[in-house]
């Protein structure tokens, strides 16, 4: 399944990531309970599809599986 950059923004917001920078790309961060930081960079291209290899990299950065991402996107988590 292809995801858009806006899909990623929706999921990041729902999983308590905070946008900390919006220059060339948006940088989203989430501080975990152990103090480690997850960081995801998102392009400003809102409704464009994300290339498959890049979407897998972004999922890994966010600490999410594709199944978890789909459930959160659909509001069923």
PDB file of N, CA and C in Angstrom:
ATOM      1  N   UNK A   1       0.838  -1.186   0.000  1.00  0.00           N
ATOM      2  CA  UNK A   1       0.000   0.000   0.000  1.00  0.00           C
ATOM      3  C   UNK A   1       0.881   1.247   0.000  1.00  0.00           C
ATOM      4  N   UNK A   2       0.511   2.222  -0.796  1.00  0.00           N
ATOM      5  CA  UNK A   2       1.261   3.480  -0.847  1.00  0.00           C
ATOM      6  C   UNK A   2       0.681   4.465   0.169  1.00  0.00           C
ATOM      7  N   UNK A   3       1.571   5.139   0.865  1.00  0.00           N
ATOM      8  CA  UNK A   3       1.170   6.144   1.836  1.00  0.00           C
ATOM      9  C   UNK A   3       1.564   7.516   1.317  1.00  0.00           C
ATOM     10  N   UNK A   4       0.817   8.523   1.751  1.00  0.00           N
ATOM     11  CA  UNK A   4       1.181   9.895   1.401  1.00  0.00           C
ATOM     12  C   UNK A   4       1.912  10.519   2.595  1.00  0.00           C
ATOM     13  N   UNK A   5       2.554  11.631   2.326  1.00  0.00           N
ATOM     14  CA  UNK A   5       3.236  12.337   3.413  1.00  0.00           C
ATOM     15  C   UNK A   5       2.221  12.810   4.456  1.00  0.00           C
ATOM     16  N   UNK A   6       1.019  13.155   4.003  1.00  0.00           N
ATOM     17  CA  UNK A   6      -0.010  13.586   4.939  1.00  0.00           C
ATOM     18  C   UNK A   6      -0.471  12.425   5.832  1.00  0.00           C
ATOM     19  N   UNK A   7      -0.535  11.194   5.267  1.00  0.00           N
ATOM     20  CA  UNK A   7      -0.856  10.016   6.088  1.00  0.00           C
ATOM     21  C   UNK A   7       0.129   9.901   7.245  1.00  0.00           C
ATOM     22  N   UNK A   8       1.413  10.115   6.937  1.00  0.00           N
ATOM     23  CA  UNK A   8       2.431  10.029   7.985  1.00  0.00           C
ATOM     24  C   UNK A   8       2.225  11.095   9.048  1.00  0.00           C
ATOM     25  N   UNK A   9       1.886  12.297   8.636  1.00  0.00           N
ATOM     26  CA  UNK A   9       1.631  13.364   9.616  1.00  0.00           C
ATOM     27  C   UNK A   9       0.497  12.980  10.560  1.00  0.00           C
ATOM     28  N   UNK A  10      -0.569  12.424  10.010  1.00  0.00           N
ATOM     29  CA  UNK A  10      -1.721  12.017  10.813  1.00  0.00           C
ATOM     30  C   UNK A  10      -1.300  10.993  11.870  1.00  0.00           C
ATOM     31  N   UNK A  11      -0.562   9.973  11.440  1.00  0.00           N
ATOM     32  CA  UNK A  11      -0.141   8.916  12.363  1.00  0.00           C
ATOM     33  C   UNK A  11       0.836   9.459  13.403  1.00  0.00           C
ATOM     34  N   UNK A  12       1.762  10.313  12.987  1.00  0.00           N
ATOM     35  CA  UNK A  12       2.708  10.878  13.947  1.00  0.00           C
ATOM     36  C   UNK A  12       1.989  11.700  15.014  1.00  0.00           C
ATOM     37  N   UNK A  13       1.003  12.496  14.611  1.00  0.00           N
ATOM     38  CA  UNK A  13       0.236  13.278  15.583  1.00  0.00           C
ATOM     39  C   UNK A  13      -0.507  12.370  16.550  1.00  0.00           C
ATOM     40  N   UNK A  14      -1.111  11.312  16.023  1.00  0.00           N
ATOM     41  CA  UNK A  14      -1.888  10.390  16.863  1.00  0.00           C
ATOM     42  C   UNK A  14      -1.016   9.599  17.824  1.00  0.00           C
ATOM     43  N   UNK A  15       0.268   9.466  17.512  1.00  0.00           N
ATOM     44  CA  UNK A  15       1.170   8.699  18.380  1.00  0.00           C
ATOM     45  C   UNK A  15       2.076   9.619  19.199  1.00  0.00           C
ATOM     46  N   UNK A  16       1.642  10.860  19.366  1.00  0.00           N
ATOM     47  CA  UNK A  16       2.283  11.830  20.264  1.00  0.00           C
ATOM     48  C   UNK A  16       3.664  12.320  19.826  1.00  0.00           C
ATOM     49  N   UNK A  17       3.928  12.306  18.522  1.00  0.00           N
ATOM     50  CA  UNK A  17       5.129  12.959  18.015  1.00  0.00           C
ATOM     51  C   UNK A  17       4.845  14.459  17.959  1.00  0.00           C
ATOM     52  N   UNK A  18       5.886  15.249  18.106  1.00  0.00           N
ATOM     53  CA  UNK A  18       5.772  16.706  18.057  1.00  0.00           C
ATOM     54  C   UNK A  18       6.674  17.221  16.944  1.00  0.00           C
ATOM     55  N   UNK A  19       6.146  18.140  16.127  1.00  0.00           N
ATOM     56  CA  UNK A  19       6.964  18.740  15.083  1.00  0.00           C
ATOM     57  C   UNK A  19       7.897  19.749  15.729  1.00  0.00           C
ATOM     58  N   UNK A  20       9.205  19.540  15.562  1.00  0.00           N
ATOM     59  CA  UNK A  20      10.183  20.411  16.207  1.00  0.00           C
ATOM     60  C   UNK A  20      10.897  21.321  15.211  1.00  0.00           C
ATOM     61  N   UNK A  21      10.774  21.035  13.926  1.00  0.00           N
ATOM     62  CA  UNK A  21      11.420  21.877  12.917  1.00  0.00           C
ATOM     63  C   UNK A  21      10.670  21.756  11.595  1.00  0.00           C
ATOM     64  N   UNK A  22      10.609  22.857  10.859  1.00  0.00           N
ATOM     65  CA  UNK A  22       9.944  22.844   9.569  1.00  0.00           C
ATOM     66  C   UNK A  22      10.699  23.703   8.565  1.00  0.00           C
ATOM     67  N   UNK A  23      11.914  23.325   8.286  1.00  0.00           N
ATOM     68  CA  UNK A  23      12.731  24.037   7.290  1.00  0.00           C
ATOM     69  C   UNK A  23      12.595  23.311   5.953  1.00  0.00           C
ATOM     70  N   UNK A  24      13.675  22.723   5.472  1.00  0.00           N
ATOM     71  CA  UNK A  24      13.638  21.993   4.204  1.00  0.00           C
ATOM     72  C   UNK A  24      12.677  20.792   4.304  1.00  0.00           C
ATOM     73  N   UNK A  25      12.712  20.097   5.438  1.00  0.00           N
ATOM     74  CA  UNK A  25      11.780  19.019   5.746  1.00  0.00           C
ATOM     75  C   UNK A  25      11.275  19.253   7.163  1.00  0.00           C
ATOM     76  N   UNK A  26      10.147  18.638   7.473  1.00  0.00           N
ATOM     77  CA  UNK A  26       9.651  18.696   8.846  1.00  0.00           C
ATOM     78  C   UNK A  26      10.376  17.628   9.660  1.00  0.00           C
ATOM     79  N   UNK A  27      10.735  17.958  10.873  1.00  0.00           N
ATOM     80  CA  UNK A  27      11.336  16.987  11.781  1.00  0.00           C
ATOM     81  C   UNK A  27      10.368  16.774  12.937  1.00  0.00           C
ATOM     82  N   UNK A  28       9.986  15.524  13.138  1.00  0.00           N
ATOM     83  CA  UNK A  28       9.060  15.137  14.196  1.00  0.00           C
ATOM     84  C   UNK A  28       9.818  14.312  15.219  1.00  0.00           C
ATOM     85  N   UNK A  29       9.575  14.563  16.512  1.00  0.00           N
ATOM     86  CA  UNK A  29      10.254  13.825  17.571  1.00  0.00           C
ATOM     87  C   UNK A  29       9.267  13.323  18.615  1.00  0.00           C
ATOM     88  N   UNK A  30       9.678  12.231  19.244  1.00  0.00           N
ATOM     89  CA  UNK A  30       8.932  11.674  20.364  1.00  0.00           C
ATOM     90  C   UNK A  30       9.951  11.168  21.373  1.00  0.00           C
ATOM     91  N   UNK A  31       9.819  11.598  22.618  1.00  0.00           N
ATOM     92  CA  UNK A  31      10.718  11.147  23.683  1.00  0.00           C
ATOM     93  C   UNK A  31      10.040   9.983  24.406  1.00  0.00           C
ATOM     94  N   UNK A  32      10.710   8.856  24.436  1.00  0.00           N
ATOM     95  CA  UNK A  32      10.170   7.658  25.077  1.00  0.00           C
ATOM     96  C   UNK A  32      10.425   7.685  26.577  1.00  0.00           C
ATOM     97  N   UNK A  33       9.744   6.814  27.298  1.00  0.00           N
ATOM     98  CA  UNK A  33       9.851   6.801  28.757  1.00  0.00           C
ATOM     99  C   UNK A  33      11.270   6.503  29.247  1.00  0.00           C
ATOM    100  N   UNK A  34      12.082   5.804  28.448  1.00  0.00           N
ATOM    101  CA  UNK A  34      13.461   5.518  28.845  1.00  0.00           C
ATOM    102  C   UNK A  34      14.419   6.655  28.480  1.00  0.00           C
ATOM    103  N   UNK A  35      13.876   7.747  27.926  1.00  0.00           N
ATOM    104  CA  UNK A  35      14.685   8.905  27.579  1.00  0.00           C
ATOM    105  C   UNK A  35      15.206   8.915  26.156  1.00  0.00           C
ATOM    106  N   UNK A  36      15.038   7.804  25.441  1.00  0.00           N
ATOM    107  CA  UNK A  36      15.496   7.780  24.048  1.00  0.00           C
ATOM    108  C   UNK A  36      14.534   8.590  23.179  1.00  0.00           C
ATOM    109  N   UNK A  37      15.056   9.060  22.055  1.00  0.00           N
ATOM    110  CA  UNK A  37      14.286   9.938  21.179  1.00  0.00           C
ATOM    111  C   UNK A  37      14.109   9.290  19.813  1.00  0.00           C
ATOM    112  N   UNK A  38      12.859   9.235  19.353  1.00  0.00           N
ATOM    113  CA  UNK A  38      12.568   8.814  17.991  1.00  0.00           C
ATOM    114  C   UNK A  38      12.447  10.074  17.150  1.00  0.00           C
ATOM    115  N   UNK A  39      13.006  10.039  15.953  1.00  0.00           N
ATOM    116  CA  UNK A  39      12.971  11.220  15.088  1.00  0.00           C
ATOM    117  C   UNK A  39      12.651  10.795  13.665  1.00  0.00           C
ATOM    118  N   UNK A  40      11.676  11.474  13.062  1.00  0.00           N
ATOM    119  CA  UNK A  40      11.252  11.178  11.695  1.00  0.00           C
ATOM    120  C   UNK A  40      11.260  12.472  10.890  1.00  0.00           C
ATOM    121  N   UNK A  41      11.808  12.410   9.681  1.00  0.00           N
ATOM    122  CA  UNK A  41      11.779  13.571   8.786  1.00  0.00           C
ATOM    123  C   UNK A  41      10.714  13.332   7.733  1.00  0.00           C
ATOM    124  N   UNK A  42       9.904  14.358   7.488  1.00  0.00           N
ATOM    125  CA  UNK A  42       8.792  14.268   6.545  1.00  0.00           C
ATOM    126  C   UNK A  42       8.904  15.419   5.549  1.00  0.00           C
ATOM    127  N   UNK A  43       8.765  15.099   4.274  1.00  0.00           N
ATOM    128  CA  UNK A  43       8.822  16.114   3.221  1.00  0.00           C
ATOM    129  C   UNK A  43       7.576  16.995   3.278  1.00  0.00           C
ATOM    130  N   UNK A  44       7.675  18.190   2.723  1.00  0.00           N
ATOM    131  CA  UNK A  44       6.535  19.110   2.676  1.00  0.00           C
ATOM    132  C   UNK A  44       5.521  18.744   1.593  1.00  0.00           C
ATOM    133  N   UNK A  45       5.754  17.712   0.837  1.00  0.00           N
ATOM    134  CA  UNK A  45       4.844  17.297  -0.238  1.00  0.00           C
ATOM    135  C   UNK A  45       3.668  16.543   0.384  1.00  0.00           C
ATOM    136  N   UNK A  46       2.556  17.193   0.535  1.00  0.00           N
ATOM    137  CA  UNK A  46       1.457  16.646   1.334  1.00  0.00           C
ATOM    138  C   UNK A  46       0.786  15.418   0.752  1.00  0.00           C
ATOM    139  N   UNK A  47       0.209  15.501  -0.419  1.00  0.00           N
ATOM    140  CA  UNK A  47      -0.594  14.395  -0.941  1.00  0.00           C
ATOM    141  C   UNK A  47       0.146  13.509  -1.932  1.00  0.00           C
ATOM    142  N   UNK A  48       1.452  13.685  -2.047  1.00  0.00           N
ATOM    143  CA  UNK A  48       2.238  12.819  -2.925  1.00  0.00           C
ATOM    144  C   UNK A  48       2.531  11.507  -2.216  1.00  0.00           C
ATOM    145  N   UNK A  49       2.570  10.433  -3.001  1.00  0.00           N
ATOM    146  CA  UNK A  49       2.914   9.133  -2.438  1.00  0.00           C
ATOM    147  C   UNK A  49       4.384   9.087  -2.045  1.00  0.00           C
ATOM    148  N   UNK A  50       4.656   8.380  -0.974  1.00  0.00           N
ATOM    149  CA  UNK A  50       6.024   8.189  -0.506  1.00  0.00           C
ATOM    150  C   UNK A  50       6.569   6.942  -1.197  1.00  0.00           C
ATOM    151  N   UNK A  51       7.767   7.005  -1.781  1.00  0.00           N
ATOM    152  CA  UNK A  51       8.359   5.790  -2.362  1.00  0.00           C
ATOM    153  C   UNK A  51       8.440   4.679  -1.315  1.00  0.00           C
ATOM    154  N   UNK A  52       8.210   3.440  -1.739  1.00  0.00           N
ATOM    155  CA  UNK A  52       8.118   2.294  -0.830  1.00  0.00           C
ATOM    156  C   UNK A  52       9.337   2.172   0.091  1.00  0.00           C
ATOM    157  N   UNK A  53      10.545   2.281  -0.457  1.00  0.00           N
ATOM    158  CA  UNK A  53      11.756   2.137   0.366  1.00  0.00           C
ATOM    159  C   UNK A  53      11.822   3.231   1.433  1.00  0.00           C
ATOM    160  N   UNK A  54      11.427   4.445   1.080  1.00  0.00           N
ATOM    161  CA  UNK A  54      11.443   5.552   2.036  1.00  0.00           C
ATOM    162  C   UNK A  54      10.376   5.367   3.109  1.00  0.00           C
ATOM    163  N   UNK A  55       9.203   4.869   2.727  1.00  0.00           N
ATOM    164  CA  UNK A  55       8.150   4.660   3.734  1.00  0.00           C
ATOM    165  C   UNK A  55       8.590   3.617   4.758  1.00  0.00           C
ATOM    166  N   UNK A  56       9.315   2.573   4.322  1.00  0.00           N
ATOM    167  CA  UNK A  56       9.826   1.577   5.274  1.00  0.00           C
ATOM    168  C   UNK A  56      10.840   2.205   6.218  1.00  0.00           C
ATOM    169  N   UNK A  57      11.682   3.073   5.700  1.00  0.00           N
ATOM    170  CA  UNK A  57      12.672   3.758   6.530  1.00  0.00           C
ATOM    171  C   UNK A  57      11.976   4.660   7.559  1.00  0.00           C
ATOM    172  N   UNK A  58      10.940   5.371   7.117  1.00  0.00           N
ATOM    173  CA  UNK A  58      10.204   6.261   8.016  1.00  0.00           C
ATOM    174  C   UNK A  58       9.465   5.468   9.093  1.00  0.00           C
ATOM    175  N   UNK A  59       8.903   4.321   8.727  1.00  0.00           N
ATOM    176  CA  UNK A  59       8.242   3.466   9.715  1.00  0.00           C
ATOM    177  C   UNK A  59       9.239   3.021  10.782  1.00  0.00           C
ATOM    178  N   UNK A  60      10.428   2.628  10.341  1.00  0.00           N
ATOM    179  CA  UNK A  60      11.471   2.199  11.280  1.00  0.00           C
ATOM    180  C   UNK A  60      11.863   3.342  12.207  1.00  0.00           C
ATOM    181  N   UNK A  61      12.021   4.555  11.656  1.00  0.00           N
ATOM    182  CA  UNK A  61      12.369   5.717  12.472  1.00  0.00           C
ATOM    183  C   UNK A  61      11.290   5.990  13.519  1.00  0.00           C
ATOM    184  N   UNK A  62      10.024   5.770  13.150  1.00  0.00           N
ATOM    185  CA  UNK A  62       8.902   6.031  14.062  1.00  0.00           C
ATOM    186  C   UNK A  62       8.669   4.884  15.038  1.00  0.00           C
ATOM    187  N   UNK A  63       9.370   3.762  14.843  1.00  0.00           N
ATOM    188  CA  UNK A  63       9.200   2.616  15.732  1.00  0.00           C
ATOM    189  C   UNK A  63       7.882   1.902  15.527  1.00  0.00           C
ATOM    190  N   UNK A  64       7.369   1.917  14.287  1.00  0.00           N
ATOM    191  CA  UNK A  64       6.072   1.314  13.975  1.00  0.00           C
ATOM    192  C   UNK A  64       6.212   0.232  12.917  1.00  0.00           C
ATOM    193  N   UNK A  65       5.359  -0.786  13.011  1.00  0.00           N
ATOM    194  CA  UNK A  65       5.252  -1.758  11.935  1.00  0.00           C
ATOM    195  C   UNK A  65       4.218  -1.235  10.942  1.00  0.00           C
ATOM    196  N   UNK A  66       4.190  -1.822   9.766  1.00  0.00           N
ATOM    197  CA  UNK A  66       3.212  -1.396   8.769  1.00  0.00           C
ATOM    198  C   UNK A  66       1.789  -1.686   9.254  1.00  0.00           C
ATOM    199  N   UNK A  67       1.608  -2.800   9.953  1.00  0.00           N
ATOM    200  CA  UNK A  67       0.292  -3.148  10.494  1.00  0.00           C
ATOM    201  C   UNK A  67      -0.158  -2.121  11.542  1.00  0.00           C
ATOM    202  N   UNK A  68       0.738  -1.756  12.449  1.00  0.00           N
ATOM    203  CA  UNK A  68       0.422  -0.741  13.463  1.00  0.00           C
ATOM    204  C   UNK A  68       0.072   0.585  12.791  1.00  0.00           C
ATOM    205  N   UNK A  69       0.867   0.967  11.786  1.00  0.00           N
ATOM    206  CA  UNK A  69       0.641   2.221  11.062  1.00  0.00           C
ATOM    207  C   UNK A  69      -0.762   2.240  10.459  1.00  0.00           C
ATOM    208  N   UNK A  70      -1.149   1.148   9.797  1.00  0.00           N
ATOM    209  CA  UNK A  70      -2.477   1.075   9.171  1.00  0.00           C
ATOM    210  C   UNK A  70      -3.595   1.181  10.191  1.00  0.00           C
ATOM    211  N   UNK A  71      -3.447   0.514  11.336  1.00  0.00           N
ATOM    212  CA  UNK A  71      -4.471   0.576  12.377  1.00  0.00           C
ATOM    213  C   UNK A  71      -4.610   1.987  12.926  1.00  0.00           C
ATOM    214  N   UNK A  72      -3.480   2.658  13.153  1.00  0.00           N
ATOM    215  CA  UNK A  72      -3.522   4.024  13.680  1.00  0.00           C
ATOM    216  C   UNK A  72      -4.124   4.966  12.645  1.00  0.00           C
ATOM    217  N   UNK A  73      -3.735   4.798  11.388  1.00  0.00           N
ATOM    218  CA  UNK A  73      -4.257   5.641  10.310  1.00  0.00           C
ATOM    219  C   UNK A  73      -5.779   5.515  10.193  1.00  0.00           C
ATOM    220  N   UNK A  74      -6.285   4.286  10.371  1.00  0.00           N
ATOM    221  CA  UNK A  74      -7.731   4.045  10.268  1.00  0.00           C
ATOM    222  C   UNK A  74      -8.456   4.341  11.574  1.00  0.00           C
ATOM    223  N   UNK A  75      -7.715   4.716  12.613  1.00  0.00           N
ATOM    224  CA  UNK A  75      -8.338   5.043  13.902  1.00  0.00           C
ATOM    225  C   UNK A  75      -8.771   3.825  14.679  1.00  0.00           C
ATOM    226  N   UNK A  76      -8.135   2.661  14.438  1.00  0.00           N
ATOM    227  CA  UNK A  76      -8.540   1.419  15.089  1.00  0.00           C
ATOM    228  C   UNK A  76      -7.451   0.865  15.999  1.00  0.00           C
ATOM    229  N   UNK A  77      -6.754   1.740  16.725  1.00  0.00           N
ATOM    230  CA  UNK A  77      -5.675   1.245  17.591  1.00  0.00           C
ATOM    231  C   UNK A  77      -6.053   1.290  19.033  1.00  0.00           C
TER     232      UNK A  77
END
